Amino acid sequence: MKINFLWLALWLTGIPVYSTQADTLYVTLEKDDALAVVDGMTGKLTKTVKIGKRPRGIVLSKDQKQLYIAASDDNTILVIDTATLKVVGKLPSDKDPESFAMEPNGEFLFVSNEDDNLVTVIDIAKRKAIKQIPVGVEPEGIAVSPDGKWVISTSETTNMAHWIDRSKLEIIDNTLVDPRPRSARFTADGQQLWISSEIAGNVSVFDVATRQLVKKIGFKIPAVTQEKIQPVGMRIDKNRRFAYVALGPSNRVAVIDAQKLEVIDYHLVGQRVWNLEFSPDEKRLYTTNGVSNDVSIIDLENRKVVKSVPVGQYPWGVAVKP
């Protein structure tokens, strides 16, 4: 039998251990202009470093050696070495970058520029913006399909999902969605597109092949008023068994049966839960809670919240490295 001695040592000293697979969380702190680093195995904050102004969106590079972080008030995407946590470069992003997505092959970043109603396309290797695509008013949510065919941009004020052809870098279709679409997410098989609508308080599921609506999923939480239920970040497991939706100031994460498209549970987490990310083995879910200034760790196998980790002011985005 193979023994994990780190796990055994932590268990003997009484430190909580949530999995035998270690991972590292990188959390952007919007009000601290900083990046927090958390050990996913122990649930301990290990380091905080100052970076650019108002960091929000965060993505790991394909080789996981670098982080790309939107420094919104610096109007740039920072490139940070994961080993040293030092800024090693910058990518041009136009004004006020917030959310962005990297395509599967790691060639391009697609950045939402909310103030200019644009999606900026960045060639990562060349560190150059190669195109700006006009979209609707206040773009935020953005996603790239697993096959690299589609880029989706959601515009919060126009209330549309824009279907951008990756090969042409042009919009070929627009889909009307419910008010204030905040996040877009493809399923791992590429068959569905999920869009959260913050004001409508629901998630719309679309069939990618037809670009038609499959179902709208609503949320009702006992003793929580409907206006506090504001869906934002989403994650769907790779086998499309369960989906998880951050519900903002309701302080809940919804658990959805991703086959039946029905809500089956809610997890109470920190205040104003905004974004979330899986551990690499998908046994845990990490949430950023902007008002309570912490990260919640959800044990997905046992379906319970196991720890709250204070990280700093206004945690916004989270990326996880094995």
Protein backbone atom coordinates (compact mmCIF):
# COMPACT_ATOMS: atom_id res chain seq x y z
CA MET A 1 0.00 0.00 0.00
CA LYS A 2 1.33 3.43 -0.98
CA ILE A 3 1.38 5.88 1.94
CA ASN A 4 1.11 9.64 1.51
CA PHE A 5 3.44 10.76 4.31
CA LEU A 6 2.48 14.45 4.00
CA TRP A 7 -1.18 13.58 4.47
CA LEU A 8 -0.31 11.33 7.44
CA ALA A 9 1.83 14.00 9.09
CA LEU A 10 -0.87 16.63 8.72
CA TRP A 11 -3.52 14.27 10.06
CA LEU A 12 -1.42 13.41 13.13
CA THR A 13 -0.90 17.10 13.92
CA GLY A 14 -4.61 17.78 13.69
CA ILE A 15 -4.51 19.95 10.53
CA PRO A 16 -7.61 19.37 8.39
CA VAL A 17 -6.91 17.56 5.13
CA TYR A 18 -9.51 17.51 2.37
CA SER A 19 -7.79 15.29 -0.21
CA THR A 20 -4.57 13.42 -0.76
CA GLN A 21 -4.05 15.39 -3.97
CA ALA A 22 -2.36 18.72 -3.28
CA ASP A 23 -3.27 21.86 -5.17
CA THR A 24 -2.59 25.58 -4.98
CA LEU A 25 -5.21 28.32 -5.19
CA TYR A 26 -4.46 31.74 -6.63
CA VAL A 27 -7.06 34.32 -5.60
CA THR A 28 -7.27 37.90 -6.88
CA LEU A 29 -8.03 40.51 -4.20
CA GLU A 30 -9.81 43.41 -5.85
CA LYS A 31 -9.51 45.93 -3.00
CA ASP A 32 -6.01 44.92 -1.83
CA ASP A 33 -4.42 45.10 -5.31
CA ALA A 34 -2.98 41.71 -4.43
CA LEU A 35 -2.84 38.00 -5.11
CA ALA A 36 -3.47 35.49 -2.30
CA VAL A 37 -2.03 31.97 -2.41
CA VAL A 38 -3.83 29.17 -0.55
CA ASP A 39 -2.78 25.56 0.02
CA GLY A 40 -5.80 23.55 -1.12
CA MET A 41 -4.77 20.48 0.88
CA THR A 42 -4.66 22.20 4.26
CA GLY A 43 -6.88 25.20 3.57
CA LYS A 44 -4.16 27.60 4.75
CA LEU A 45 -3.28 31.03 3.37
CA THR A 46 0.42 30.75 2.56
CA LYS A 47 1.30 34.06 0.91
CA THR A 48 -0.05 37.39 -0.26
CA VAL A 49 1.75 39.53 -2.84
CA LYS A 50 1.00 42.97 -4.22
CA ILE A 51 0.36 43.06 -7.96
CA GLY A 52 -1.50 45.53 -10.23
CA LYS A 53 -4.46 47.75 -9.48
CA ARG A 54 -7.86 46.11 -9.01
CA PRO A 55 -7.07 42.55 -10.09
CA ARG A 56 -10.10 40.49 -11.11
CA GLY A 57 -10.08 37.85 -13.87
CA ILE A 58 -7.41 35.14 -13.58
CA VAL A 59 -6.37 32.21 -15.81
CA LEU A 60 -3.48 29.73 -15.73
CA SER A 61 -1.33 29.35 -18.83
CA LYS A 62 -1.53 26.08 -20.71
CA ASP A 63 1.77 24.86 -19.21
CA GLN A 64 0.67 26.18 -15.77
CA LYS A 65 3.93 28.10 -15.35
CA GLN A 66 2.28 31.51 -15.58
CA LEU A 67 -0.83 33.32 -14.44
CA TYR A 68 -2.68 35.86 -16.54
CA ILE A 69 -4.46 38.42 -14.35
CA ALA A 70 -6.67 41.32 -15.41
CA ALA A 71 -5.46 44.44 -13.61
CA SER A 72 -8.56 46.46 -14.42
CA ASP A 73 -7.40 49.90 -13.25
CA ASP A 74 -4.03 49.45 -14.98
CA ASN A 75 -5.75 48.55 -18.27
CA THR A 76 -3.56 45.51 -18.76
CA ILE A 77 -3.27 41.74 -18.35
CA LEU A 78 -0.39 40.91 -16.02
CA VAL A 79 1.78 37.85 -16.65
CA ILE A 80 2.95 36.35 -13.35
CA ASP A 81 5.44 33.54 -12.82
CA THR A 82 3.80 30.91 -10.60
CA ALA A 83 7.14 29.91 -9.06
CA THR A 84 8.29 33.39 -8.00
CA LEU A 85 4.92 35.24 -8.03
CA LYS A 86 6.68 38.10 -9.80
CA VAL A 87 5.29 40.04 -12.76
CA VAL A 88 7.27 38.92 -15.81
CA GLY A 89 5.28 40.63 -18.53
CA LYS A 90 2.14 42.44 -19.61
CA LEU A 91 -0.40 41.85 -22.35
CA PRO A 92 -2.26 44.73 -24.07
CA SER A 93 -5.96 44.55 -23.29
CA ASP A 94 -7.49 47.99 -23.91
CA LYS A 95 -9.53 49.68 -21.15
CA ASP A 96 -10.85 48.07 -17.98
CA PRO A 97 -10.26 44.35 -18.60
CA GLU A 98 -12.33 42.23 -16.23
CA SER A 99 -13.14 38.77 -17.57
CA PHE A 100 -11.24 36.81 -20.18
CA ALA A 101 -10.90 33.29 -21.51
CA MET A 102 -8.04 31.33 -23.04
CA GLU A 103 -8.68 29.02 -25.94
CA PRO A 104 -7.84 25.31 -25.51
CA ASN A 105 -4.60 25.41 -27.53
CA GLY A 106 -3.31 28.34 -25.47
CA GLU A 107 -2.73 30.61 -28.48
CA PHE A 108 -5.19 33.45 -27.89
CA LEU A 109 -6.78 35.24 -24.95
CA PHE A 110 -10.20 36.80 -25.48
CA VAL A 111 -10.76 39.80 -23.18
CA SER A 112 -14.00 41.59 -22.31
CA ASN A 113 -13.50 45.37 -22.39
CA GLU A 114 -16.63 46.59 -20.63
CA ASP A 115 -16.08 50.33 -21.09
CA ASP A 116 -15.45 50.12 -24.83
CA ASN A 117 -17.98 47.42 -25.79
CA LEU A 118 -15.23 45.32 -27.33
CA VAL A 119 -13.65 41.89 -27.16
CA THR A 120 -9.88 42.19 -27.53
CA VAL A 121 -8.06 39.22 -29.06
CA ILE A 122 -4.50 38.80 -27.74
CA ASP A 123 -1.82 36.62 -29.28
CA ILE A 124 -0.11 35.34 -26.11
CA ALA A 125 3.23 34.34 -27.64
CA LYS A 126 3.59 37.65 -29.51
CA ARG A 127 2.14 39.63 -26.56
CA LYS A 128 0.14 41.59 -29.08
CA ALA A 129 -3.52 42.52 -29.56
CA ILE A 130 -4.38 41.33 -33.06
CA LYS A 131 -8.03 42.37 -33.27
CA GLN A 132 -10.87 44.10 -31.47
CA ILE A 133 -14.39 42.80 -32.06
CA PRO A 134 -17.32 45.20 -31.43
CA VAL A 135 -20.00 43.52 -29.32
CA GLY A 136 -22.97 44.67 -27.24
CA VAL A 137 -23.00 47.18 -24.39
CA GLU A 138 -20.95 46.20 -21.31
CA PRO A 139 -19.48 42.82 -22.31
CA GLU A 140 -18.46 40.64 -19.37
CA GLY A 141 -18.98 36.90 -19.64
CA ILE A 142 -16.71 35.15 -22.11
CA ALA A 143 -16.05 31.52 -22.98
CA VAL A 144 -14.33 29.43 -25.67
CA SER A 145 -15.79 26.10 -26.76
CA PRO A 146 -13.68 22.96 -26.12
CA ASP A 147 -13.23 22.39 -29.85
CA GLY A 148 -12.03 25.98 -30.31
CA LYS A 149 -14.80 26.76 -32.81
CA TRP A 150 -16.81 29.31 -30.82
CA VAL A 151 -16.07 32.32 -28.64
CA ILE A 152 -19.07 33.55 -26.65
CA SER A 153 -19.32 37.10 -25.32
CA THR A 154 -22.25 38.18 -23.15
CA SER A 155 -23.21 41.86 -23.00
CA GLU A 156 -24.83 42.89 -19.74
CA THR A 157 -26.85 45.85 -21.01
CA THR A 158 -27.73 44.57 -24.48
CA ASN A 159 -28.75 41.25 -22.88
CA MET A 160 -27.25 39.15 -25.64
CA ALA A 161 -24.86 36.28 -26.17
CA HIS A 162 -22.68 36.97 -29.20
CA TRP A 163 -21.48 33.91 -31.17
CA ILE A 164 -18.01 34.70 -32.50
CA ASP A 165 -16.53 32.42 -35.15
CA ARG A 166 -12.98 31.70 -33.92
CA SER A 167 -11.58 31.13 -37.42
CA LYS A 168 -12.91 34.45 -38.76
CA LEU A 169 -12.90 36.40 -35.47
CA GLU A 170 -16.31 37.77 -36.45
CA ILE A 171 -19.79 37.64 -34.91
CA ILE A 172 -22.03 35.32 -36.91
CA ASP A 173 -25.07 35.23 -34.61
CA ASN A 174 -26.64 36.91 -31.59
CA THR A 175 -28.93 35.29 -29.04
CA LEU A 176 -31.22 37.30 -26.78
CA VAL A 177 -30.86 36.22 -23.15
CA ASP A 178 -32.34 37.29 -19.83
CA PRO A 179 -31.25 40.53 -18.10
CA ARG A 180 -27.63 41.09 -17.12
CA PRO A 181 -25.86 37.95 -18.37
CA ARG A 182 -22.74 37.65 -16.22
CA SER A 183 -21.04 34.37 -17.06
CA ALA A 184 -20.86 31.91 -19.94
CA ARG A 185 -19.70 28.31 -19.71
CA PHE A 186 -19.47 25.40 -22.17
CA THR A 187 -19.88 21.83 -21.01
CA ALA A 188 -16.72 19.72 -21.46
CA ASP A 189 -18.31 17.79 -24.34
CA GLY A 190 -19.04 21.08 -26.11
CA GLN A 191 -22.72 20.24 -26.56
CA GLN A 192 -24.20 22.86 -24.25
CA LEU A 193 -23.64 26.52 -23.41
CA TRP A 194 -24.76 27.79 -19.99
CA ILE A 195 -25.36 31.50 -19.33
CA SER A 196 -26.13 33.02 -15.93
CA SER A 197 -28.45 36.06 -15.74
CA GLU A 198 -27.88 38.09 -12.60
CA ILE A 199 -31.05 40.23 -12.66
CA ALA A 200 -33.38 37.49 -13.90
CA GLY A 201 -32.01 35.14 -11.25
CA ASN A 202 -31.68 32.16 -13.58
CA VAL A 203 -29.39 30.14 -15.82
CA SER A 204 -30.19 29.49 -19.49
CA VAL A 205 -28.93 26.31 -21.15
CA PHE A 206 -28.48 26.32 -24.93
CA ASP A 207 -27.85 23.54 -27.43
CA VAL A 208 -24.64 24.51 -29.22
CA ALA A 209 -25.44 22.69 -32.48
CA THR A 210 -28.72 24.57 -32.99
CA ARG A 211 -28.00 27.62 -30.81
CA GLN A 212 -31.49 27.15 -29.37
CA LEU A 213 -32.65 27.33 -25.74
CA VAL A 214 -32.98 23.96 -24.00
CA LYS A 215 -34.15 25.12 -20.58
CA LYS A 216 -34.09 27.95 -18.05
CA ILE A 217 -33.16 26.96 -14.52
CA GLY A 218 -34.54 29.11 -11.69
CA PHE A 219 -33.63 29.17 -8.00
CA LYS A 220 -35.73 29.37 -4.83
CA ILE A 221 -34.09 29.40 -1.40
CA PRO A 222 -36.19 29.24 1.78
CA ALA A 223 -36.06 32.50 3.80
CA VAL A 224 -34.03 34.28 1.06
CA THR A 225 -35.72 37.02 -0.99
CA GLN A 226 -35.64 36.57 -4.74
CA GLU A 227 -33.71 39.79 -5.40
CA LYS A 228 -30.75 38.40 -3.45
CA ILE A 229 -30.50 35.39 -5.75
CA GLN A 230 -28.07 36.67 -8.37
CA PRO A 231 -26.36 33.94 -10.44
CA VAL A 232 -22.82 34.77 -11.50
CA GLY A 233 -19.95 32.23 -11.78
CA MET A 234 -20.57 28.64 -12.88
CA ARG A 235 -18.69 25.36 -13.08
CA ILE A 236 -19.83 22.08 -14.67
CA ASP A 237 -17.95 18.84 -13.99
CA LYS A 238 -16.23 17.12 -16.90
CA ASN A 239 -18.75 14.26 -17.01
CA ARG A 240 -21.70 16.69 -16.96
CA ARG A 241 -23.13 15.09 -13.83
CA PHE A 242 -23.37 18.22 -11.68
CA ALA A 243 -23.18 21.96 -12.20
CA TYR A 244 -22.51 24.57 -9.54
CA VAL A 245 -23.69 28.19 -9.68
CA ALA A 246 -22.56 31.04 -7.42
CA LEU A 247 -25.66 32.99 -6.34
CA GLY A 248 -24.12 36.28 -5.21
CA PRO A 249 -25.65 38.01 -2.14
CA SER A 250 -27.83 35.01 -1.32
CA ASN A 251 -24.55 33.52 -0.02
CA ARG A 252 -25.35 30.19 -1.63
CA VAL A 253 -23.93 27.88 -4.28
CA ALA A 254 -26.61 25.96 -6.15
CA VAL A 255 -26.05 22.30 -7.02
CA ILE A 256 -27.71 21.27 -10.28
CA ASP A 257 -28.27 17.83 -11.76
CA ALA A 258 -26.66 18.60 -15.12
CA GLN A 259 -28.54 15.79 -16.89
CA LYS A 260 -32.03 16.60 -15.64
CA LEU A 261 -31.26 20.35 -15.44
CA GLU A 262 -32.84 20.56 -12.00
CA VAL A 263 -31.61 22.15 -8.75
CA ILE A 264 -30.99 19.49 -6.11
CA ASP A 265 -29.26 21.37 -3.27
CA TYR A 266 -27.74 24.61 -1.98
CA HIS A 267 -24.53 25.18 -0.02
CA LEU A 268 -24.32 28.09 2.42
CA VAL A 269 -20.95 29.80 1.89
CA GLY A 270 -19.47 33.26 2.55
CA GLN A 271 -21.06 36.61 1.74
CA ARG A 272 -21.56 37.61 -1.90
CA VAL A 273 -20.18 34.47 -3.53
CA TRP A 274 -18.90 35.50 -6.93
CA ASN A 275 -16.69 32.96 -8.68
CA LEU A 276 -15.69 29.35 -8.15
CA GLU A 277 -13.30 26.66 -9.35
CA PHE A 278 -12.80 22.92 -9.02
CA SER A 279 -9.80 21.17 -7.55
CA PRO A 280 -7.99 19.22 -10.31
CA ASP A 281 -9.66 15.96 -9.22
CA GLU A 282 -13.07 17.69 -8.98
CA LYS A 283 -13.49 16.51 -5.40
CA ARG A 284 -13.58 20.04 -4.01
CA LEU A 285 -15.01 23.37 -5.07
CA TYR A 286 -13.48 26.69 -4.05
CA THR A 287 -15.59 29.87 -3.92
CA THR A 288 -14.57 33.53 -3.70
CA ASN A 289 -16.77 35.46 -1.26
CA GLY A 290 -16.30 39.17 -1.87
CA VAL A 291 -17.97 40.72 1.16
CA SER A 292 -16.84 38.26 3.84
CA ASN A 293 -13.30 38.38 2.36
CA ASP A 294 -12.80 34.63 2.36
CA VAL A 295 -12.74 31.46 0.29
CA SER A 296 -15.10 28.59 1.06
CA ILE A 297 -13.97 24.99 0.51
CA ILE A 298 -16.77 22.59 -0.43
CA ASP A 299 -16.22 18.84 -0.14
CA LEU A 300 -18.17 17.62 -3.17
CA GLU A 301 -18.04 13.93 -2.28
CA ASN A 302 -19.64 14.53 1.12
CA ARG A 303 -21.64 17.53 -0.10
CA LYS A 304 -20.70 19.94 2.66
CA VAL A 305 -18.75 23.13 3.25
CA VAL A 306 -15.68 22.16 5.30
CA LYS A 307 -13.70 25.38 5.74
CA SER A 308 -13.65 29.14 5.35
CA VAL A 309 -10.24 30.68 4.58
CA PRO A 310 -9.75 34.44 5.18
CA VAL A 311 -7.72 35.78 2.25
CA GLY A 312 -8.03 39.57 2.06
CA GLN A 313 -10.32 42.29 0.77
CA TYR A 314 -12.80 41.45 -2.00
CA PRO A 315 -11.62 38.12 -3.38
CA TRP A 316 -12.84 38.03 -6.99
CA GLY A 317 -11.25 35.39 -9.23
CA VAL A 318 -9.68 32.03 -8.49
CA ALA A 319 -7.39 29.69 -10.45
CA VAL A 320 -6.21 26.28 -9.24
CA LYS A 321 -2.91 24.58 -10.04
CA PRO A 322 -2.18 20.90 -9.28
